[in-house]
Amino acid sequence: MNVKKAIKKIIKHLFPEACAGCNIRLSHENLLCTDCMYDLPITDHHKMANNRFTNHFLGRVNIEKGAAYLHFRKEGAVQELMHKFKYGGKFFIGVFLGNMAAELVEKVDYFKDIDIIIPVPLHKVKKSIRGYNQCELIAEGVSQILKVPIAFNYLNRNNNLNSQINSNRYQRWLNVEEQYSLIKEFKNYSKLLIVDDIVTTGATIN
């Protein structure tokens, strides 16, 4: 064992990592404890052409297929994960979630042959404050598994909106109307995968 590995092992022993879902001490697990991993509310949307996710877009925009990886449940591991990811500086959670989501969809025919992955852009002010765009990190995790390039700097977020947590469905749609613009045309791509972190009404992706 070299010195660097030995130091890392000592640090991990003295300062053990905590589960990102329930904060208990981890032994050999990565990021989530066994119980939290087992209890993750996976949607299984990837198995269905029409699902609760795609229903958000009926009559609004013609998407080919779509899926959410997890159901969002308050006071659970998913809420804890997303809070630490978006507001706690735990940027690595995004890549972890992207990896797990991609491992499910890579075996499904209608998610094959994707040309490029598009992370929903974050306004430069918010990105500067947070230090990263969480959608880009999830896209990075997806890209690692699917081996598909990411379209950085193709879209722009025009205005810096506050969180939409307390907005109703109609307000969310009004708030994001004309908030995004193209920087580059997607001339050579026909099958695009848009990645967002949390979908409530579908207004942002629409």
C-alpha atoms as a PDB file:
ATOM      1  CA  MET A   1       0.000   0.000   0.000  1.00  0.00           C
ATOM      2  CA  ASN A   2       1.459   3.378  -0.966  1.00  0.00           C
ATOM      3  CA  VAL A   3       1.540   6.356   1.361  1.00  0.00           C
ATOM      4  CA  LYS A   4      -1.381   8.175  -0.296  1.00  0.00           C
ATOM      5  CA  LYS A   5      -3.699   5.162   0.040  1.00  0.00           C
ATOM      6  CA  ALA A   6      -2.604   4.627   3.623  1.00  0.00           C
ATOM      7  CA  ILE A   7      -3.384   8.246   4.516  1.00  0.00           C
ATOM      8  CA  LYS A   8      -6.813   8.019   2.884  1.00  0.00           C
ATOM      9  CA  LYS A   9      -7.554   4.848   4.833  1.00  0.00           C
ATOM     10  CA  ILE A  10      -6.559   6.476   8.128  1.00  0.00           C
ATOM     11  CA  ILE A  11      -8.662   9.592   7.396  1.00  0.00           C
ATOM     12  CA  LYS A  12     -11.676   7.440   6.513  1.00  0.00           C
ATOM     13  CA  HIS A  13     -11.266   5.535   9.775  1.00  0.00           C
ATOM     14  CA  LEU A  14     -10.910   8.685  11.898  1.00  0.00           C
ATOM     15  CA  PHE A  15     -13.580  10.656  10.020  1.00  0.00           C
ATOM     16  CA  PRO A  16     -16.014   8.077   8.609  1.00  0.00           C
ATOM     17  CA  GLU A  17     -18.398   9.214   5.911  1.00  0.00           C
ATOM     18  CA  ALA A  18     -22.081   9.559   6.738  1.00  0.00           C
ATOM     19  CA  CYS A  19     -24.946   8.309   4.607  1.00  0.00           C
ATOM     20  CA  ALA A  20     -26.243  11.157   2.444  1.00  0.00           C
ATOM     21  CA  GLY A  21     -29.778   9.913   2.994  1.00  0.00           C
ATOM     22  CA  CYS A  22     -30.024   9.294   6.751  1.00  0.00           C
ATOM     23  CA  ASN A  23     -26.646  10.471   8.130  1.00  0.00           C
ATOM     24  CA  ILE A  24     -25.693   7.189   9.807  1.00  0.00           C
ATOM     25  CA  ARG A  25     -22.059   6.100   9.662  1.00  0.00           C
ATOM     26  CA  LEU A  26     -21.117   4.229   6.504  1.00  0.00           C
ATOM     27  CA  SER A  27     -18.935   1.156   6.666  1.00  0.00           C
ATOM     28  CA  HIS A  28     -18.137  -0.062   3.153  1.00  0.00           C
ATOM     29  CA  GLU A  29     -20.997   1.591   1.235  1.00  0.00           C
ATOM     30  CA  ASN A  30     -20.639   4.465  -1.205  1.00  0.00           C
ATOM     31  CA  LEU A  31     -22.662   7.616  -0.399  1.00  0.00           C
ATOM     32  CA  LEU A  32     -25.844   5.794   0.706  1.00  0.00           C
ATOM     33  CA  CYS A  33     -26.256   3.094   3.337  1.00  0.00           C
ATOM     34  CA  THR A  34     -27.744  -0.255   2.366  1.00  0.00           C
ATOM     35  CA  ASP A  35     -31.138   0.608   3.891  1.00  0.00           C
ATOM     36  CA  CYS A  36     -31.418   3.919   2.006  1.00  0.00           C
ATOM     37  CA  MET A  37     -30.363   2.291  -1.263  1.00  0.00           C
ATOM     38  CA  TYR A  38     -32.972  -0.437  -0.788  1.00  0.00           C
ATOM     39  CA  ASP A  39     -35.700   2.087   0.056  1.00  0.00           C
ATOM     40  CA  LEU A  40     -35.069   4.484  -2.849  1.00  0.00           C
ATOM     41  CA  PRO A  41     -38.469   5.150  -4.474  1.00  0.00           C
ATOM     42  CA  ILE A  42     -37.507   4.258  -8.051  1.00  0.00           C
ATOM     43  CA  THR A  43     -40.322   5.134 -10.452  1.00  0.00           C
ATOM     44  CA  ASP A  44     -39.871   2.452 -13.134  1.00  0.00           C
ATOM     45  CA  HIS A  45     -40.939   5.083 -15.695  1.00  0.00           C
ATOM     46  CA  HIS A  46     -38.162   3.827 -17.954  1.00  0.00           C
ATOM     47  CA  LYS A  47     -40.156   0.632 -18.523  1.00  0.00           C
ATOM     48  CA  MET A  48     -43.236   2.476 -19.814  1.00  0.00           C
ATOM     49  CA  ALA A  49     -43.595   4.563 -22.953  1.00  0.00           C
ATOM     50  CA  ASN A  50     -46.392   6.554 -21.297  1.00  0.00           C
ATOM     51  CA  ASN A  51     -46.080   7.373 -17.629  1.00  0.00           C
ATOM     52  CA  ARG A  52     -46.728  10.085 -15.028  1.00  0.00           C
ATOM     53  CA  PHE A  53     -43.670  11.977 -16.244  1.00  0.00           C
ATOM     54  CA  THR A  54     -44.678  12.108 -19.909  1.00  0.00           C
ATOM     55  CA  ASN A  55     -48.229  13.064 -18.898  1.00  0.00           C
ATOM     56  CA  HIS A  56     -46.861  16.493 -17.927  1.00  0.00           C
ATOM     57  CA  PHE A  57     -46.319  17.255 -21.622  1.00  0.00           C
ATOM     58  CA  LEU A  58     -49.496  15.938 -23.228  1.00  0.00           C
ATOM     59  CA  GLY A  59     -50.947  18.603 -25.495  1.00  0.00           C
ATOM     60  CA  ARG A  60     -48.026  20.958 -24.806  1.00  0.00           C
ATOM     61  CA  VAL A  61     -44.906  19.589 -26.441  1.00  0.00           C
ATOM     62  CA  ASN A  62     -44.253  16.446 -28.455  1.00  0.00           C
ATOM     63  CA  ILE A  63     -41.536  14.549 -26.618  1.00  0.00           C
ATOM     64  CA  GLU A  64     -40.713  11.049 -27.787  1.00  0.00           C
ATOM     65  CA  LYS A  65     -40.089   9.443 -24.394  1.00  0.00           C
ATOM     66  CA  GLY A  66     -39.343  10.558 -20.871  1.00  0.00           C
ATOM     67  CA  ALA A  67     -38.807   9.317 -17.328  1.00  0.00           C
ATOM     68  CA  ALA A  68     -38.069  10.442 -13.812  1.00  0.00           C
ATOM     69  CA  TYR A  69     -35.644   8.279 -11.863  1.00  0.00           C
ATOM     70  CA  LEU A  70     -37.036   8.782  -8.331  1.00  0.00           C
ATOM     71  CA  HIS A  71     -40.281   9.854  -6.725  1.00  0.00           C
ATOM     72  CA  PHE A  72     -39.748  12.872  -4.479  1.00  0.00           C
ATOM     73  CA  ARG A  73     -40.916  12.177  -0.937  1.00  0.00           C
ATOM     74  CA  LYS A  74     -40.752  14.687   1.867  1.00  0.00           C
ATOM     75  CA  GLU A  75     -38.809  13.779   5.002  1.00  0.00           C
ATOM     76  CA  GLY A  76     -37.088  10.923   3.211  1.00  0.00           C
ATOM     77  CA  ALA A  77     -33.725  10.036   1.723  1.00  0.00           C
ATOM     78  CA  VAL A  78     -34.550  11.665  -1.635  1.00  0.00           C
ATOM     79  CA  GLN A  79     -35.335  15.016  -0.033  1.00  0.00           C
ATOM     80  CA  GLU A  80     -32.149  14.797   2.040  1.00  0.00           C
ATOM     81  CA  LEU A  81     -30.106  13.894  -1.025  1.00  0.00           C
ATOM     82  CA  MET A  82     -31.470  16.733  -3.148  1.00  0.00           C
ATOM     83  CA  HIS A  83     -31.108  19.296  -0.367  1.00  0.00           C
ATOM     84  CA  LYS A  84     -27.457  18.383   0.182  1.00  0.00           C
ATOM     85  CA  PHE A  85     -26.882  18.302  -3.560  1.00  0.00           C
ATOM     86  CA  LYS A  86     -28.448  21.676  -4.399  1.00  0.00           C
ATOM     87  CA  TYR A  87     -27.724  23.667  -1.259  1.00  0.00           C
ATOM     88  CA  GLY A  88     -25.071  21.798   0.708  1.00  0.00           C
ATOM     89  CA  GLY A  89     -22.239  21.773  -1.801  1.00  0.00           C
ATOM     90  CA  LYS A  90     -22.322  17.981  -2.212  1.00  0.00           C
ATOM     91  CA  PHE A  91     -21.838  18.163  -5.965  1.00  0.00           C
ATOM     92  CA  PHE A  92     -20.773  14.508  -6.278  1.00  0.00           C
ATOM     93  CA  ILE A  93     -24.340  13.408  -5.479  1.00  0.00           C
ATOM     94  CA  GLY A  94     -25.376  14.533  -8.966  1.00  0.00           C
ATOM     95  CA  VAL A  95     -22.912  12.260 -10.755  1.00  0.00           C
ATOM     96  CA  PHE A  96     -23.932   9.401  -8.444  1.00  0.00           C
ATOM     97  CA  LEU A  97     -27.646   9.856  -9.262  1.00  0.00           C
ATOM     98  CA  GLY A  98     -26.897  10.261 -12.960  1.00  0.00           C
ATOM     99  CA  ASN A  99     -24.949   6.996 -12.964  1.00  0.00           C
ATOM    100  CA  MET A 100     -27.769   5.088 -11.288  1.00  0.00           C
ATOM    101  CA  ALA A 101     -30.470   6.512 -13.560  1.00  0.00           C
ATOM    102  CA  ALA A 102     -28.443   5.741 -16.674  1.00  0.00           C
ATOM    103  CA  GLU A 103     -27.818   2.161 -15.574  1.00  0.00           C
ATOM    104  CA  LEU A 104     -31.577   1.632 -15.703  1.00  0.00           C
ATOM    105  CA  VAL A 105     -32.331   3.324 -19.025  1.00  0.00           C
ATOM    106  CA  GLU A 106     -29.320   2.033 -20.976  1.00  0.00           C
ATOM    107  CA  LYS A 107     -31.040  -1.345 -21.415  1.00  0.00           C
ATOM    108  CA  VAL A 108     -34.289   0.163 -22.718  1.00  0.00           C
ATOM    109  CA  ASP A 109     -34.605   0.390 -26.509  1.00  0.00           C
ATOM    110  CA  TYR A 110     -36.260   3.795 -26.687  1.00  0.00           C
ATOM    111  CA  PHE A 111     -33.401   5.409 -24.762  1.00  0.00           C
ATOM    112  CA  LYS A 112     -30.793   4.068 -27.182  1.00  0.00           C
ATOM    113  CA  ASP A 113     -29.127   6.019 -29.986  1.00  0.00           C
ATOM    114  CA  ILE A 114     -29.203   9.356 -28.152  1.00  0.00           C
ATOM    115  CA  ASP A 115     -27.058  11.889 -29.995  1.00  0.00           C
ATOM    116  CA  ILE A 116     -26.396  14.390 -27.238  1.00  0.00           C
ATOM    117  CA  ILE A 117     -27.353  15.197 -23.636  1.00  0.00           C
ATOM    118  CA  ILE A 118     -28.645  18.683 -22.793  1.00  0.00           C
ATOM    119  CA  PRO A 119     -28.531  19.773 -19.139  1.00  0.00           C
ATOM    120  CA  VAL A 120     -31.031  22.495 -18.257  1.00  0.00           C
ATOM    121  CA  PRO A 121     -28.937  25.684 -17.890  1.00  0.00           C
ATOM    122  CA  LEU A 122     -28.593  27.649 -14.660  1.00  0.00           C
ATOM    123  CA  HIS A 123     -28.308  31.431 -14.637  1.00  0.00           C
ATOM    124  CA  LYS A 124     -24.676  32.539 -14.306  1.00  0.00           C
ATOM    125  CA  VAL A 125     -25.359  34.393 -11.040  1.00  0.00           C
ATOM    126  CA  LYS A 126     -26.920  31.362  -9.378  1.00  0.00           C
ATOM    127  CA  LYS A 127     -24.216  29.099 -10.778  1.00  0.00           C
ATOM    128  CA  SER A 128     -21.550  31.409  -9.370  1.00  0.00           C
ATOM    129  CA  ILE A 129     -23.174  31.341  -5.920  1.00  0.00           C
ATOM    130  CA  ARG A 130     -23.727  27.573  -5.890  1.00  0.00           C
ATOM    131  CA  GLY A 131     -20.457  26.775  -7.594  1.00  0.00           C
ATOM    132  CA  TYR A 132     -21.964  24.385 -10.125  1.00  0.00           C
ATOM    133  CA  ASN A 133     -25.018  23.615 -12.236  1.00  0.00           C
ATOM    134  CA  GLN A 134     -26.632  20.558 -10.657  1.00  0.00           C
ATOM    135  CA  CYS A 135     -28.190  19.485 -13.968  1.00  0.00           C
ATOM    136  CA  GLU A 136     -24.769  19.389 -15.611  1.00  0.00           C
ATOM    137  CA  LEU A 137     -23.509  17.047 -12.890  1.00  0.00           C
ATOM    138  CA  ILE A 138     -26.444  14.674 -13.301  1.00  0.00           C
ATOM    139  CA  ALA A 139     -25.830  14.810 -17.067  1.00  0.00           C
ATOM    140  CA  GLU A 140     -22.175  13.961 -16.428  1.00  0.00           C
ATOM    141  CA  GLY A 141     -23.229  10.846 -14.529  1.00  0.00           C
ATOM    142  CA  VAL A 142     -25.571   9.845 -17.352  1.00  0.00           C
ATOM    143  CA  SER A 143     -22.876  10.517 -19.936  1.00  0.00           C
ATOM    144  CA  GLN A 144     -20.368   8.277 -18.138  1.00  0.00           C
ATOM    145  CA  ILE A 145     -22.698   5.299 -18.481  1.00  0.00           C
ATOM    146  CA  LEU A 146     -24.339   5.940 -21.857  1.00  0.00           C
ATOM    147  CA  LYS A 147     -21.135   7.225 -23.487  1.00  0.00           C
ATOM    148  CA  VAL A 148     -23.008  10.159 -25.021  1.00  0.00           C
ATOM    149  CA  PRO A 149     -21.511  13.690 -25.188  1.00  0.00           C
ATOM    150  CA  ILE A 150     -22.980  16.614 -23.254  1.00  0.00           C
ATOM    151  CA  ALA A 151     -24.039  19.839 -24.967  1.00  0.00           C
ATOM    152  CA  PHE A 152     -22.452  22.455 -22.757  1.00  0.00           C
ATOM    153  CA  ASN A 153     -23.118  26.089 -23.698  1.00  0.00           C
ATOM    154  CA  TYR A 154     -25.864  25.368 -26.203  1.00  0.00           C
ATOM    155  CA  LEU A 155     -28.636  26.914 -24.105  1.00  0.00           C
ATOM    156  CA  ASN A 156     -28.774  30.076 -22.025  1.00  0.00           C
ATOM    157  CA  ARG A 157     -30.854  30.962 -18.971  1.00  0.00           C
ATOM    158  CA  ASN A 158     -31.840  34.580 -19.587  1.00  0.00           C
ATOM    159  CA  ASN A 159     -32.999  35.649 -16.131  1.00  0.00           C
ATOM    160  CA  ASN A 160     -32.172  34.711 -12.569  1.00  0.00           C
ATOM    161  CA  LEU A 161     -35.492  33.585 -11.085  1.00  0.00           C
ATOM    162  CA  ASN A 162     -35.987  32.783  -7.436  1.00  0.00           C
ATOM    163  CA  SER A 163     -36.928  29.246  -6.426  1.00  0.00           C
ATOM    164  CA  GLN A 164     -40.343  28.156  -7.690  1.00  0.00           C
ATOM    165  CA  ILE A 165     -41.061  25.935  -4.682  1.00  0.00           C
ATOM    166  CA  ASN A 166     -43.988  28.097  -3.534  1.00  0.00           C
ATOM    167  CA  SER A 167     -45.398  28.828  -7.003  1.00  0.00           C
ATOM    168  CA  ASN A 168     -48.534  27.122  -8.256  1.00  0.00           C
ATOM    169  CA  ARG A 169     -48.724  25.297 -11.591  1.00  0.00           C
ATOM    170  CA  TYR A 170     -49.870  28.322 -13.622  1.00  0.00           C
ATOM    171  CA  GLN A 171     -47.288  30.631 -12.034  1.00  0.00           C
ATOM    172  CA  ARG A 172     -44.499  28.160 -12.812  1.00  0.00           C
ATOM    173  CA  TRP A 173     -45.450  28.129 -16.506  1.00  0.00           C
ATOM    174  CA  LEU A 174     -45.559  31.936 -16.649  1.00  0.00           C
ATOM    175  CA  ASN A 175     -42.265  32.280 -14.771  1.00  0.00           C
ATOM    176  CA  VAL A 176     -40.252  30.180 -17.213  1.00  0.00           C
ATOM    177  CA  GLU A 177     -41.903  31.422 -20.403  1.00  0.00           C
ATOM    178  CA  GLU A 178     -39.166  32.762 -22.702  1.00  0.00           C
ATOM    179  CA  GLN A 179     -36.546  32.229 -19.971  1.00  0.00           C
ATOM    180  CA  TYR A 180     -34.319  30.103 -22.207  1.00  0.00           C
ATOM    181  CA  SER A 181     -32.635  30.820 -25.512  1.00  0.00           C
ATOM    182  CA  LEU A 182     -30.422  28.985 -27.985  1.00  0.00           C
ATOM    183  CA  ILE A 183     -26.736  29.866 -28.203  1.00  0.00           C
ATOM    184  CA  LYS A 184     -25.967  27.234 -30.832  1.00  0.00           C
ATOM    185  CA  GLU A 185     -28.237  25.322 -33.193  1.00  0.00           C
ATOM    186  CA  PHE A 186     -28.511  21.545 -32.803  1.00  0.00           C
ATOM    187  CA  LYS A 187     -27.941  21.048 -36.520  1.00  0.00           C
ATOM    188  CA  ASN A 188     -26.246  17.659 -36.439  1.00  0.00           C
ATOM    189  CA  TYR A 189     -28.362  16.041 -33.761  1.00  0.00           C
ATOM    190  CA  SER A 190     -31.805  14.484 -34.036  1.00  0.00           C
ATOM    191  CA  LYS A 191     -32.267  12.621 -30.742  1.00  0.00           C
ATOM    192  CA  LEU A 192     -31.731  14.878 -27.745  1.00  0.00           C
ATOM    193  CA  LEU A 193     -31.895  13.919 -24.062  1.00  0.00           C
ATOM    194  CA  ILE A 194     -32.813  16.838 -21.763  1.00  0.00           C
ATOM    195  CA  VAL A 195     -31.747  16.445 -18.130  1.00  0.00           C
ATOM    196  CA  ASP A 196     -33.328  18.344 -15.225  1.00  0.00           C
ATOM    197  CA  ASP A 197     -32.872  17.752 -11.502  1.00  0.00           C
ATOM    198  CA  ILE A 198     -36.451  18.068 -10.191  1.00  0.00           C
ATOM    199  CA  VAL A 199     -39.628  18.048 -12.278  1.00  0.00           C
ATOM    200  CA  THR A 200     -42.845  19.276 -10.687  1.00  0.00           C
ATOM    201  CA  THR A 201     -45.143  20.574 -13.428  1.00  0.00           C
ATOM    202  CA  GLY A 202     -42.808  20.098 -16.401  1.00  0.00           C
ATOM    203  CA  ALA A 203     -42.757  23.855 -17.097  1.00  0.00           C
ATOM    204  CA  THR A 204     -38.972  24.149 -17.308  1.00  0.00           C
ATOM    205  CA  ILE A 205     -38.430  21.226 -19.658  1.00  0.00           C
ATOM    206  CA  ASN A 206     -41.350  22.343 -21.786  1.00  0.00           C
END
